[in-house]
N, C-alpha and C. Protein backbone atom coordinates (compact mmCIF):
# COMPACT_ATOMS: atom_id res chain seq x y z
N MET A 1 91.25 119.45 85.69
CA MET A 1 91.06 119.06 84.30
C MET A 1 92.34 118.42 83.76
N ARG A 2 92.20 117.29 83.09
CA ARG A 2 93.37 116.59 82.58
C ARG A 2 93.92 117.29 81.34
N LEU A 3 95.17 117.03 81.06
CA LEU A 3 95.83 117.61 79.89
C LEU A 3 95.25 117.04 78.61
N SER A 4 95.37 117.80 77.53
CA SER A 4 94.98 117.30 76.22
C SER A 4 95.97 116.22 75.79
N ASP A 5 95.55 115.40 74.84
CA ASP A 5 96.42 114.33 74.35
C ASP A 5 97.72 114.89 73.77
N ASN A 6 97.62 115.99 73.02
CA ASN A 6 98.81 116.59 72.41
C ASN A 6 99.80 117.10 73.46
N ALA A 7 99.26 117.68 74.53
CA ALA A 7 100.12 118.17 75.61
C ALA A 7 100.84 117.01 76.29
N GLU A 8 100.14 115.91 76.49
CA GLU A 8 100.77 114.73 77.09
C GLU A 8 101.86 114.17 76.18
N GLU A 9 101.62 114.19 74.88
CA GLU A 9 102.63 113.69 73.93
C GLU A 9 103.90 114.55 73.99
N ILE A 10 103.73 115.85 74.15
CA ILE A 10 104.89 116.73 74.26
C ILE A 10 105.66 116.43 75.55
N LEU A 11 104.94 116.27 76.65
CA LEU A 11 105.60 115.92 77.91
C LEU A 11 106.39 114.63 77.78
N GLU A 12 105.78 113.65 77.15
CA GLU A 12 106.43 112.34 76.97
C GLU A 12 107.72 112.49 76.16
N TYR A 13 107.66 113.28 75.09
CA TYR A 13 108.84 113.49 74.25
C TYR A 13 109.95 114.19 75.04
N LEU A 14 109.57 115.20 75.80
CA LEU A 14 110.56 115.95 76.58
C LEU A 14 111.21 115.06 77.64
N TRP A 15 110.41 114.18 78.26
CA TRP A 15 110.96 113.27 79.27
C TRP A 15 111.97 112.33 78.65
N ARG A 16 111.66 111.80 77.48
CA ARG A 16 112.58 110.88 76.81
C ARG A 16 113.89 111.60 76.45
N MET A 17 113.76 112.83 75.96
CA MET A 17 114.96 113.60 75.62
C MET A 17 115.80 113.88 76.86
N ASN A 18 115.11 114.20 77.95
CA ASN A 18 115.79 114.56 79.19
C ASN A 18 116.44 113.35 79.84
N ASN A 19 115.67 112.27 80.02
CA ASN A 19 116.14 111.12 80.80
C ASN A 19 116.91 110.09 80.00
N GLU A 20 116.64 109.99 78.72
CA GLU A 20 117.27 108.93 77.92
C GLU A 20 118.27 109.45 76.90
N MET A 21 118.20 110.75 76.63
CA MET A 21 119.15 111.34 75.68
C MET A 21 120.05 112.37 76.34
N GLY A 22 119.76 112.69 77.61
CA GLY A 22 120.59 113.63 78.36
C GLY A 22 120.45 115.08 77.93
N LYS A 23 119.30 115.45 77.36
CA LYS A 23 119.09 116.82 76.89
C LYS A 23 118.12 117.55 77.81
N GLU A 24 118.62 118.50 78.56
CA GLU A 24 117.74 119.28 79.43
C GLU A 24 117.00 120.34 78.62
N LEU A 25 117.64 120.83 77.57
CA LEU A 25 117.03 121.84 76.70
C LEU A 25 116.77 121.20 75.33
N VAL A 26 115.54 121.22 74.89
CA VAL A 26 115.17 120.67 73.58
C VAL A 26 114.86 121.85 72.66
N ASN A 27 115.58 121.94 71.55
CA ASN A 27 115.35 123.08 70.66
C ASN A 27 114.07 122.91 69.85
N TRP A 28 113.63 124.00 69.28
CA TRP A 28 112.33 124.01 68.59
C TRP A 28 112.35 123.16 67.33
N GLU A 29 113.49 123.07 66.69
CA GLU A 29 113.58 122.26 65.49
C GLU A 29 113.35 120.79 65.80
N GLU A 30 113.87 120.34 66.95
CA GLU A 30 113.66 118.95 67.37
C GLU A 30 112.21 118.69 67.76
N LEU A 31 111.64 119.63 68.48
CA LEU A 31 110.29 119.45 69.00
C LEU A 31 109.24 119.57 67.90
N LYS A 32 109.51 120.45 66.93
CA LYS A 32 108.59 120.67 65.80
C LYS A 32 107.20 121.11 66.29
N GLU A 33 107.20 122.03 67.23
CA GLU A 33 105.95 122.58 67.75
C GLU A 33 106.02 124.10 67.74
N ASP A 34 104.86 124.73 67.55
CA ASP A 34 104.77 126.18 67.58
C ASP A 34 104.71 126.66 69.03
N LYS A 35 105.45 127.73 69.32
CA LYS A 35 105.46 128.26 70.69
C LYS A 35 104.08 128.69 71.16
N ASP A 36 103.25 129.11 70.22
CA ASP A 36 101.93 129.64 70.57
C ASP A 36 100.82 128.59 70.44
N ALA A 37 101.19 127.35 70.26
CA ALA A 37 100.18 126.28 70.11
C ALA A 37 99.39 126.13 71.42
N PRO A 38 98.12 125.75 71.34
CA PRO A 38 97.28 125.62 72.55
C PRO A 38 97.89 124.69 73.60
N GLU A 39 98.50 123.60 73.14
CA GLU A 39 99.08 122.66 74.11
C GLU A 39 100.27 123.27 74.85
N MET A 40 100.99 124.19 74.19
CA MET A 40 102.09 124.90 74.86
C MET A 40 101.52 125.80 75.96
N LYS A 41 100.43 126.45 75.67
CA LYS A 41 99.79 127.32 76.66
C LYS A 41 99.29 126.50 77.86
N GLU A 42 98.79 125.30 77.58
CA GLU A 42 98.37 124.40 78.66
C GLU A 42 99.52 124.11 79.60
N LEU A 43 100.66 123.73 79.00
CA LEU A 43 101.82 123.32 79.79
C LEU A 43 102.42 124.49 80.55
N LEU A 44 102.41 125.67 79.93
CA LEU A 44 102.91 126.87 80.59
C LEU A 44 102.01 127.26 81.75
N ALA A 45 100.69 127.17 81.55
CA ALA A 45 99.74 127.56 82.59
C ALA A 45 99.89 126.69 83.84
N ARG A 46 100.28 125.45 83.64
CA ARG A 46 100.45 124.54 84.78
C ARG A 46 101.88 124.55 85.31
N LYS A 47 102.71 125.38 84.72
CA LYS A 47 104.12 125.51 85.11
C LYS A 47 104.88 124.20 84.95
N TYR A 48 104.52 123.46 83.89
CA TYR A 48 105.21 122.21 83.58
C TYR A 48 106.46 122.44 82.74
N ILE A 49 106.50 123.55 82.04
CA ILE A 49 107.64 123.84 81.15
C ILE A 49 108.05 125.29 81.28
N SER A 50 109.26 125.56 80.82
CA SER A 50 109.71 126.94 80.62
C SER A 50 110.25 127.01 79.20
N ILE A 51 110.00 128.12 78.54
CA ILE A 51 110.44 128.24 77.15
C ILE A 51 111.29 129.49 76.95
N SER A 52 112.14 129.45 75.96
CA SER A 52 112.97 130.58 75.56
C SER A 52 113.16 130.49 74.06
N ASP A 53 113.88 131.43 73.51
CA ASP A 53 114.14 131.39 72.07
C ASP A 53 114.96 130.16 71.69
N ASP A 54 115.75 129.66 72.64
CA ASP A 54 116.62 128.52 72.35
C ASP A 54 115.88 127.19 72.38
N GLY A 55 114.82 127.11 73.17
CA GLY A 55 114.13 125.83 73.26
C GLY A 55 113.21 125.74 74.46
N ILE A 56 112.98 124.55 74.91
CA ILE A 56 112.00 124.27 75.95
C ILE A 56 112.59 123.33 76.99
N ARG A 57 112.26 123.57 78.26
CA ARG A 57 112.74 122.74 79.36
C ARG A 57 111.57 122.25 80.20
N LEU A 58 111.74 121.09 80.81
CA LEU A 58 110.77 120.60 81.78
C LEU A 58 111.08 121.20 83.14
N ARG A 59 110.06 121.70 83.83
CA ARG A 59 110.22 122.13 85.21
C ARG A 59 109.95 120.93 86.11
N ASN A 60 110.17 121.09 87.40
CA ASN A 60 110.03 119.96 88.33
C ASN A 60 108.65 119.31 88.28
N ALA A 61 107.61 120.16 88.28
CA ALA A 61 106.25 119.63 88.22
C ALA A 61 106.01 118.92 86.90
N GLY A 62 106.57 119.48 85.83
CA GLY A 62 106.41 118.88 84.52
C GLY A 62 107.15 117.56 84.40
N LEU A 63 108.29 117.49 85.06
CA LEU A 63 109.08 116.25 85.03
C LEU A 63 108.29 115.11 85.66
N LYS A 64 107.63 115.39 86.79
CA LYS A 64 106.84 114.36 87.46
C LYS A 64 105.64 113.93 86.62
N GLU A 65 104.96 114.91 86.03
CA GLU A 65 103.80 114.59 85.20
C GLU A 65 104.23 113.84 83.94
N ALA A 66 105.38 114.24 83.37
CA ALA A 66 105.89 113.57 82.17
C ALA A 66 106.25 112.12 82.47
N GLU A 67 106.82 111.88 83.64
CA GLU A 67 107.18 110.51 84.02
C GLU A 67 105.93 109.64 84.12
N ARG A 68 104.84 110.19 84.66
CA ARG A 68 103.60 109.43 84.76
C ARG A 68 103.05 109.13 83.36
N THR A 69 103.21 110.08 82.44
CA THR A 69 102.74 109.88 81.07
C THR A 69 103.52 108.77 80.37
N VAL A 70 104.84 108.79 80.55
CA VAL A 70 105.67 107.73 79.97
C VAL A 70 105.32 106.39 80.58
N ARG A 71 105.08 106.37 81.87
CA ARG A 71 104.69 105.13 82.55
C ARG A 71 103.41 104.55 81.96
N ARG A 72 102.41 105.39 81.76
CA ARG A 72 101.15 104.92 81.18
C ARG A 72 101.36 104.34 79.79
N HIS A 73 102.18 105.03 78.99
CA HIS A 73 102.42 104.58 77.61
C HIS A 73 103.10 103.21 77.61
N ARG A 74 104.11 103.04 78.42
CA ARG A 74 104.88 101.79 78.40
C ARG A 74 104.12 100.64 79.05
N LEU A 75 103.27 100.96 80.03
CA LEU A 75 102.39 99.92 80.57
C LEU A 75 101.37 99.49 79.53
N ALA A 76 100.88 100.47 78.76
CA ALA A 76 99.93 100.14 77.70
C ALA A 76 100.58 99.23 76.67
N GLU A 77 101.86 99.48 76.35
CA GLU A 77 102.58 98.61 75.41
C GLU A 77 102.68 97.19 75.96
N ARG A 78 103.00 97.07 77.24
CA ARG A 78 103.12 95.74 77.85
C ARG A 78 101.77 95.02 77.80
N LEU A 79 100.71 95.75 78.09
CA LEU A 79 99.38 95.16 78.07
C LEU A 79 99.04 94.66 76.67
N MET A 80 99.35 95.46 75.66
CA MET A 80 99.05 95.07 74.28
C MET A 80 99.80 93.80 73.88
N VAL A 81 101.04 93.68 74.34
CA VAL A 81 101.87 92.53 73.97
C VAL A 81 101.58 91.31 74.84
N ASP A 82 101.55 91.50 76.17
CA ASP A 82 101.47 90.38 77.09
C ASP A 82 100.07 89.78 77.20
N VAL A 83 99.07 90.63 77.11
CA VAL A 83 97.70 90.15 77.31
C VAL A 83 96.93 90.04 76.00
N PHE A 84 97.00 91.11 75.18
CA PHE A 84 96.24 91.10 73.93
C PHE A 84 96.97 90.47 72.76
N ASP A 85 98.29 90.22 72.95
CA ASP A 85 99.10 89.56 71.93
C ASP A 85 99.01 90.27 70.57
N LEU A 86 99.08 91.61 70.59
CA LEU A 86 99.02 92.39 69.36
C LEU A 86 100.30 92.25 68.56
N LYS A 87 100.17 92.34 67.27
CA LYS A 87 101.35 92.33 66.41
C LYS A 87 102.18 93.57 66.69
N GLU A 88 103.50 93.43 66.56
CA GLU A 88 104.41 94.53 66.88
C GLU A 88 104.08 95.79 66.10
N SER A 89 103.64 95.64 64.85
CA SER A 89 103.35 96.80 64.00
C SER A 89 102.16 97.61 64.52
N LEU A 90 101.33 96.99 65.37
CA LEU A 90 100.14 97.68 65.88
C LEU A 90 100.32 98.22 67.29
N VAL A 91 101.37 97.77 67.96
CA VAL A 91 101.53 98.08 69.38
C VAL A 91 101.68 99.57 69.65
N GLU A 92 102.58 100.23 68.94
CA GLU A 92 102.89 101.63 69.23
C GLU A 92 101.68 102.53 69.07
N ASP A 93 100.99 102.43 67.94
CA ASP A 93 99.84 103.30 67.70
C ASP A 93 98.71 103.02 68.69
N THR A 94 98.47 101.74 68.96
CA THR A 94 97.40 101.36 69.90
C THR A 94 97.72 101.83 71.31
N ALA A 95 98.99 101.67 71.72
CA ALA A 95 99.40 102.11 73.06
C ALA A 95 99.26 103.62 73.19
N CYS A 96 99.60 104.36 72.12
CA CYS A 96 99.48 105.83 72.15
C CYS A 96 98.04 106.24 72.40
N ARG A 97 97.10 105.55 71.78
CA ARG A 97 95.69 105.87 71.97
C ARG A 97 95.23 105.47 73.37
N PHE A 98 95.67 104.30 73.80
CA PHE A 98 95.19 103.74 75.06
C PHE A 98 95.71 104.50 76.27
N GLU A 99 96.95 104.98 76.19
CA GLU A 99 97.55 105.63 77.36
C GLU A 99 96.77 106.84 77.81
N HIS A 100 96.14 107.54 76.84
CA HIS A 100 95.40 108.75 77.18
C HIS A 100 94.08 108.44 77.89
N LEU A 101 93.65 107.18 77.86
CA LEU A 101 92.41 106.79 78.52
C LEU A 101 92.63 106.36 79.96
N LEU A 102 93.87 106.09 80.29
CA LEU A 102 94.18 105.54 81.62
C LEU A 102 94.13 106.61 82.70
N ARG A 103 93.54 106.28 83.81
CA ARG A 103 93.61 107.10 85.01
C ARG A 103 94.56 106.41 85.99
N ARG A 104 95.01 107.11 86.99
CA ARG A 104 96.03 106.56 87.90
C ARG A 104 95.57 105.26 88.55
N GLU A 105 94.29 105.21 88.98
CA GLU A 105 93.81 104.00 89.64
C GLU A 105 93.83 102.81 88.69
N VAL A 106 93.42 103.04 87.44
CA VAL A 106 93.41 101.98 86.44
C VAL A 106 94.84 101.60 86.08
N GLU A 107 95.68 102.61 85.96
CA GLU A 107 97.10 102.40 85.64
C GLU A 107 97.76 101.48 86.65
N ASP A 108 97.52 101.71 87.94
CA ASP A 108 98.11 100.87 88.97
C ASP A 108 97.54 99.46 88.94
N SER A 109 96.26 99.34 88.61
CA SER A 109 95.64 98.02 88.52
C SER A 109 96.25 97.22 87.38
N ILE A 110 96.50 97.88 86.25
CA ILE A 110 97.12 97.21 85.11
C ILE A 110 98.54 96.80 85.45
N CYS A 111 99.26 97.68 86.13
CA CYS A 111 100.64 97.38 86.52
C CYS A 111 100.67 96.17 87.44
N THR A 112 99.73 96.10 88.39
CA THR A 112 99.65 94.97 89.31
C THR A 112 99.31 93.69 88.56
N LEU A 113 98.34 93.80 87.63
CA LEU A 113 97.95 92.65 86.82
C LEU A 113 99.14 92.07 86.06
N LEU A 114 100.00 92.95 85.56
CA LEU A 114 101.16 92.53 84.76
C LEU A 114 102.35 92.11 85.62
N GLY A 115 102.21 92.24 86.94
CA GLY A 115 103.30 91.83 87.83
C GLY A 115 104.37 92.89 87.99
N HIS A 116 104.00 94.17 87.84
CA HIS A 116 104.92 95.29 88.02
C HIS A 116 106.17 95.16 87.11
N PRO A 117 105.95 95.16 85.80
CA PRO A 117 107.08 94.99 84.87
C PRO A 117 108.07 96.14 84.95
N ASN A 118 109.34 95.82 84.74
CA ASN A 118 110.39 96.85 84.79
C ASN A 118 110.66 97.47 83.43
N TYR A 119 110.34 96.74 82.35
CA TYR A 119 110.67 97.21 81.02
C TYR A 119 109.49 97.04 80.06
N CYS A 120 109.42 97.93 79.09
CA CYS A 120 108.42 97.83 78.03
C CYS A 120 108.89 96.80 77.00
N PRO A 121 108.08 96.45 76.01
CA PRO A 121 108.51 95.47 75.00
C PRO A 121 109.74 95.90 74.21
N HIS A 122 110.06 97.21 74.23
CA HIS A 122 111.24 97.70 73.52
C HIS A 122 112.45 97.81 74.44
N HIS A 123 112.33 97.19 75.62
CA HIS A 123 113.43 97.12 76.60
C HIS A 123 113.79 98.49 77.19
N LYS A 124 112.81 99.39 77.21
CA LYS A 124 113.02 100.68 77.86
C LYS A 124 112.37 100.63 79.24
N PRO A 125 113.01 101.25 80.24
CA PRO A 125 112.49 101.14 81.62
C PRO A 125 111.13 101.77 81.79
N ILE A 126 110.30 101.13 82.59
CA ILE A 126 109.00 101.67 82.95
C ILE A 126 109.13 102.35 84.31
N PRO A 127 108.91 103.66 84.39
CA PRO A 127 109.02 104.33 85.69
C PRO A 127 108.09 103.67 86.71
N PRO A 128 108.59 103.37 87.91
CA PRO A 128 107.75 102.71 88.93
C PRO A 128 106.68 103.65 89.46
N GLY A 129 105.57 103.07 89.90
CA GLY A 129 104.49 103.84 90.49
C GLY A 129 104.30 103.50 91.95
N ARG A 130 103.24 104.03 92.53
CA ARG A 130 102.96 103.76 93.95
C ARG A 130 102.74 102.27 94.20
N CYS A 131 102.07 101.61 93.24
CA CYS A 131 101.78 100.19 93.42
C CYS A 131 103.07 99.37 93.42
N CYS A 132 104.06 99.82 92.65
CA CYS A 132 105.34 99.09 92.59
C CYS A 132 106.08 99.20 93.92
N ARG A 133 106.06 100.39 94.50
CA ARG A 133 106.72 100.57 95.79
C ARG A 133 106.02 99.77 96.88
N LYS A 134 104.68 99.69 96.80
CA LYS A 134 103.93 98.88 97.75
C LYS A 134 104.26 97.40 97.55
N ALA A 135 104.39 96.99 96.29
CA ALA A 135 104.71 95.59 95.99
C ALA A 135 106.07 95.22 96.55
N GLU A 136 107.01 96.15 96.52
CA GLU A 136 108.34 95.89 97.08
C GLU A 136 108.26 95.65 98.57
N ARG A 137 107.33 96.36 99.23
CA ARG A 137 107.21 96.22 100.68
C ARG A 137 106.55 94.88 101.04
N ILE A 138 105.59 94.45 100.20
CA ILE A 138 104.92 93.19 100.51
C ILE A 138 105.58 92.02 99.79
N VAL A 139 106.70 92.30 99.13
CA VAL A 139 107.57 91.32 98.49
C VAL A 139 107.03 90.79 97.17
N LYS A 140 105.79 90.27 97.13
CA LYS A 140 105.30 89.63 95.91
C LYS A 140 104.15 90.42 95.29
N PRO A 141 104.04 90.44 93.94
CA PRO A 141 102.90 91.08 93.29
C PRO A 141 101.63 90.27 93.52
N LEU A 142 100.49 90.87 93.27
CA LEU A 142 99.22 90.18 93.48
C LEU A 142 98.99 89.10 92.44
N VAL A 143 99.47 89.33 91.22
CA VAL A 143 99.27 88.37 90.13
C VAL A 143 100.59 87.70 89.79
N ILE A 144 100.61 86.37 89.84
CA ILE A 144 101.83 85.61 89.57
C ILE A 144 101.50 84.45 88.62
N ARG A 145 102.53 83.83 88.10
CA ARG A 145 102.33 82.64 87.28
C ARG A 145 102.02 81.46 88.19
N ALA A 146 101.26 80.52 87.66
CA ALA A 146 100.87 79.36 88.47
C ALA A 146 102.09 78.57 88.93
N THR A 147 103.18 78.62 88.17
CA THR A 147 104.40 77.91 88.56
C THR A 147 105.02 78.49 89.82
N GLU A 148 104.65 79.72 90.18
CA GLU A 148 105.22 80.37 91.36
C GLU A 148 104.42 80.09 92.62
N LEU A 149 103.27 79.45 92.48
CA LEU A 149 102.49 79.09 93.66
C LEU A 149 103.24 78.03 94.47
N ASP A 150 103.35 78.23 95.75
CA ASP A 150 103.95 77.20 96.60
C ASP A 150 103.02 76.00 96.68
N LYS A 151 103.58 74.85 96.96
CA LYS A 151 102.77 73.64 97.11
C LYS A 151 101.74 73.86 98.22
N GLY A 152 100.49 73.61 97.89
CA GLY A 152 99.40 73.81 98.85
C GLY A 152 98.78 75.19 98.78
N ALA A 153 99.43 76.13 98.05
CA ALA A 153 98.90 77.49 97.94
C ALA A 153 97.75 77.51 96.94
N LYS A 154 96.83 78.44 97.16
CA LYS A 154 95.66 78.56 96.30
C LYS A 154 95.63 79.91 95.60
N GLY A 155 94.94 79.94 94.47
CA GLY A 155 94.82 81.18 93.74
C GLY A 155 93.57 81.18 92.88
N ILE A 156 93.31 82.33 92.28
CA ILE A 156 92.18 82.47 91.37
C ILE A 156 92.75 82.84 90.00
N VAL A 157 92.38 82.11 88.97
CA VAL A 157 92.91 82.36 87.64
C VAL A 157 92.51 83.76 87.19
N ALA A 158 93.52 84.60 86.87
CA ALA A 158 93.27 85.97 86.42
C ALA A 158 93.11 86.01 84.90
N PHE A 159 94.06 85.41 84.19
CA PHE A 159 93.96 85.30 82.74
C PHE A 159 94.95 84.27 82.24
N LEU A 160 94.80 83.87 80.99
CA LEU A 160 95.67 82.89 80.36
C LEU A 160 96.50 83.58 79.30
N HIS A 161 97.81 83.49 79.42
CA HIS A 161 98.71 84.13 78.47
C HIS A 161 99.29 83.07 77.55
N VAL A 162 98.54 82.73 76.52
CA VAL A 162 98.94 81.69 75.57
C VAL A 162 98.81 82.23 74.16
N LYS A 163 99.91 82.25 73.41
CA LYS A 163 99.88 82.74 72.04
C LYS A 163 99.34 81.70 71.07
N ASN A 164 99.50 80.42 71.41
CA ASN A 164 99.04 79.34 70.56
C ASN A 164 97.58 79.02 70.88
N SER A 165 96.70 79.20 69.90
CA SER A 165 95.27 79.02 70.14
C SER A 165 94.91 77.59 70.54
N LYS A 166 95.66 76.60 70.02
CA LYS A 166 95.38 75.21 70.37
C LYS A 166 95.68 74.95 71.85
N LYS A 167 96.77 75.55 72.34
CA LYS A 167 97.11 75.39 73.76
C LYS A 167 96.09 76.10 74.63
N LEU A 168 95.61 77.25 74.16
CA LEU A 168 94.58 77.98 74.91
C LEU A 168 93.32 77.14 75.01
N GLN A 169 92.92 76.55 73.90
CA GLN A 169 91.72 75.72 73.89
C GLN A 169 91.90 74.50 74.80
N LYS A 170 93.13 73.95 74.84
CA LYS A 170 93.41 72.79 75.68
C LYS A 170 93.23 73.15 77.16
N LEU A 171 93.77 74.31 77.56
CA LEU A 171 93.63 74.74 78.95
C LEU A 171 92.16 74.97 79.30
N MET A 172 91.46 75.61 78.40
CA MET A 172 90.04 75.90 78.65
C MET A 172 89.23 74.61 78.73
N ALA A 173 89.59 73.62 77.88
CA ALA A 173 88.89 72.33 77.90
C ALA A 173 89.11 71.61 79.23
N MET A 174 90.23 71.88 79.89
CA MET A 174 90.52 71.29 81.19
C MET A 174 89.77 71.99 82.32
N GLY A 175 89.09 73.09 81.97
CA GLY A 175 88.35 73.83 82.98
C GLY A 175 89.13 74.97 83.60
N ILE A 176 90.30 75.28 83.00
CA ILE A 176 91.12 76.38 83.52
C ILE A 176 90.67 77.67 82.84
N LEU A 177 89.87 78.43 83.56
CA LEU A 177 89.26 79.64 83.02
C LEU A 177 89.41 80.79 84.03
N PRO A 178 89.41 82.05 83.56
CA PRO A 178 89.48 83.18 84.49
C PRO A 178 88.36 83.09 85.54
N GLY A 179 88.74 83.32 86.80
CA GLY A 179 87.78 83.28 87.90
C GLY A 179 87.72 81.95 88.63
N ILE A 180 88.36 80.90 88.04
CA ILE A 180 88.34 79.57 88.64
C ILE A 180 89.38 79.49 89.77
N HIS A 181 89.01 78.84 90.86
CA HIS A 181 89.94 78.62 91.98
C HIS A 181 90.84 77.44 91.65
N ILE A 182 92.12 77.59 91.95
CA ILE A 182 93.10 76.57 91.61
C ILE A 182 94.06 76.37 92.79
N GLU A 183 94.49 75.16 93.01
CA GLU A 183 95.42 74.86 94.11
C GLU A 183 96.64 74.12 93.56
N SER A 184 97.83 74.53 93.98
CA SER A 184 99.06 73.86 93.58
C SER A 184 99.24 72.61 94.45
N VAL A 185 99.32 71.45 93.81
CA VAL A 185 99.45 70.18 94.52
C VAL A 185 100.87 69.63 94.41
N GLN A 186 101.49 69.84 93.24
CA GLN A 186 102.83 69.26 93.00
C GLN A 186 103.58 70.15 92.02
N LYS A 187 104.89 70.25 92.20
CA LYS A 187 105.70 71.09 91.34
C LYS A 187 106.77 70.30 90.57
N PHE A 188 106.98 69.05 90.93
CA PHE A 188 108.00 68.23 90.27
C PHE A 188 107.58 66.76 90.34
N PRO A 189 107.80 65.99 89.26
CA PRO A 189 108.48 66.32 87.98
C PRO A 189 107.60 67.12 87.01
N SER A 190 106.29 67.12 87.27
CA SER A 190 105.39 67.97 86.49
C SER A 190 104.56 68.79 87.47
N TYR A 191 103.88 69.80 86.96
CA TYR A 191 103.04 70.65 87.81
C TYR A 191 101.64 70.02 87.87
N VAL A 192 101.15 69.83 89.08
CA VAL A 192 99.81 69.28 89.26
C VAL A 192 98.98 70.29 90.03
N PHE A 193 97.79 70.58 89.52
CA PHE A 193 96.87 71.53 90.15
C PHE A 193 95.53 70.85 90.40
N ARG A 194 94.87 71.31 91.45
CA ARG A 194 93.53 70.82 91.75
C ARG A 194 92.52 71.91 91.46
N ILE A 195 91.49 71.54 90.68
CA ILE A 195 90.37 72.44 90.42
C ILE A 195 89.11 71.70 90.87
N GLY A 196 88.56 72.12 91.98
CA GLY A 196 87.44 71.38 92.55
C GLY A 196 87.92 70.01 92.99
N GLN A 197 87.34 68.95 92.42
CA GLN A 197 87.76 67.59 92.74
C GLN A 197 88.62 67.00 91.63
N THR A 198 89.01 67.83 90.67
CA THR A 198 89.78 67.35 89.51
C THR A 198 91.25 67.72 89.66
N TYR A 199 92.14 66.79 89.34
CA TYR A 199 93.58 67.03 89.37
C TYR A 199 94.10 67.08 87.93
N ILE A 200 94.89 68.12 87.63
CA ILE A 200 95.38 68.33 86.27
C ILE A 200 96.90 68.45 86.29
N ALA A 201 97.58 67.67 85.44
CA ALA A 201 99.04 67.71 85.33
C ALA A 201 99.42 68.50 84.08
N LEU A 202 100.38 69.43 84.24
CA LEU A 202 100.81 70.28 83.14
C LEU A 202 102.33 70.36 83.10
N ASP A 203 102.90 70.55 81.90
CA ASP A 203 104.33 70.81 81.83
C ASP A 203 104.57 72.27 82.20
N LYS A 204 105.83 72.66 82.33
CA LYS A 204 106.17 74.00 82.82
C LYS A 204 105.64 75.08 81.90
N GLU A 205 105.75 74.89 80.58
CA GLU A 205 105.31 75.91 79.63
C GLU A 205 103.82 76.20 79.78
N MET A 206 103.03 75.14 79.89
CA MET A 206 101.58 75.32 80.03
C MET A 206 101.23 75.94 81.38
N ALA A 207 101.93 75.50 82.42
CA ALA A 207 101.65 76.03 83.75
C ALA A 207 101.99 77.51 83.85
N ARG A 208 103.07 77.93 83.17
CA ARG A 208 103.48 79.34 83.19
C ARG A 208 102.47 80.24 82.49
N ALA A 209 101.68 79.65 81.62
CA ALA A 209 100.70 80.43 80.87
C ALA A 209 99.50 80.83 81.71
N ILE A 210 99.40 80.25 82.92
CA ILE A 210 98.27 80.54 83.80
C ILE A 210 98.69 81.61 84.79
N LEU A 211 98.03 82.76 84.75
CA LEU A 211 98.31 83.86 85.68
C LEU A 211 97.22 83.86 86.76
N VAL A 212 97.66 83.86 88.01
CA VAL A 212 96.70 83.74 89.11
C VAL A 212 96.87 84.87 90.13
N ARG A 213 95.76 85.18 90.78
CA ARG A 213 95.79 86.06 91.95
C ARG A 213 95.85 85.17 93.18
N LYS A 214 96.81 85.42 94.05
CA LYS A 214 96.94 84.58 95.25
C LYS A 214 95.71 84.73 96.13
N SER A 215 95.31 83.62 96.73
CA SER A 215 94.12 83.60 97.58
C SER A 215 94.51 83.25 99.00
N ASP A 216 93.85 83.86 99.97
CA ASP A 216 94.10 83.54 101.39
C ASP A 216 93.21 82.40 101.87
N GLU A 217 92.37 81.90 100.94
CA GLU A 217 91.46 80.82 101.32
C GLU A 217 92.22 79.58 101.76
N GLU A 218 91.82 79.01 102.83
CA GLU A 218 92.45 77.79 103.33
C GLU A 218 91.58 76.58 103.03
């Protein structure tokens, strides 16, 4: 059974205090939680924390689970900013809600989609996951910008990251849509891509807005 949302929030707070503030012991005044709260009992039952009159500490198992919770939250923030283009004022609250819905398999898929980011929008490190370690072994992430495709390489458009609606409409009018197969034909002086029998020339900014999954199709 997964932890309650409140229990996950406590783990996340403790991890930040431990790893980013250097506090192994967090006192009750800082935490602002009752020792007998249901979420405390959850964390104690799983041996994620130890408590005393002075405060609360993360145990080894709790530290690992807390790191995964922080990872989900910061990946959710990246998703909100990079893909959904949410306003900064909405990112934190939306990410807090979204992180609790993520499962590990979905979390790794989102991380891969985003290209295994190292930092959240607030420039705080995102703890690496299994998919990140795998990506290091295979060198490149599954999803890359179209500008990173080698000449002659093919890919499938994953999504378009364009904040300007007119530029988005322009790309779509050219036939550049998620799921479309695309081939890199030229990289200089402009980027040229082939879609079916059509050749499209783009400047670097427009080409970078196209995120593709590399294809082994020859």
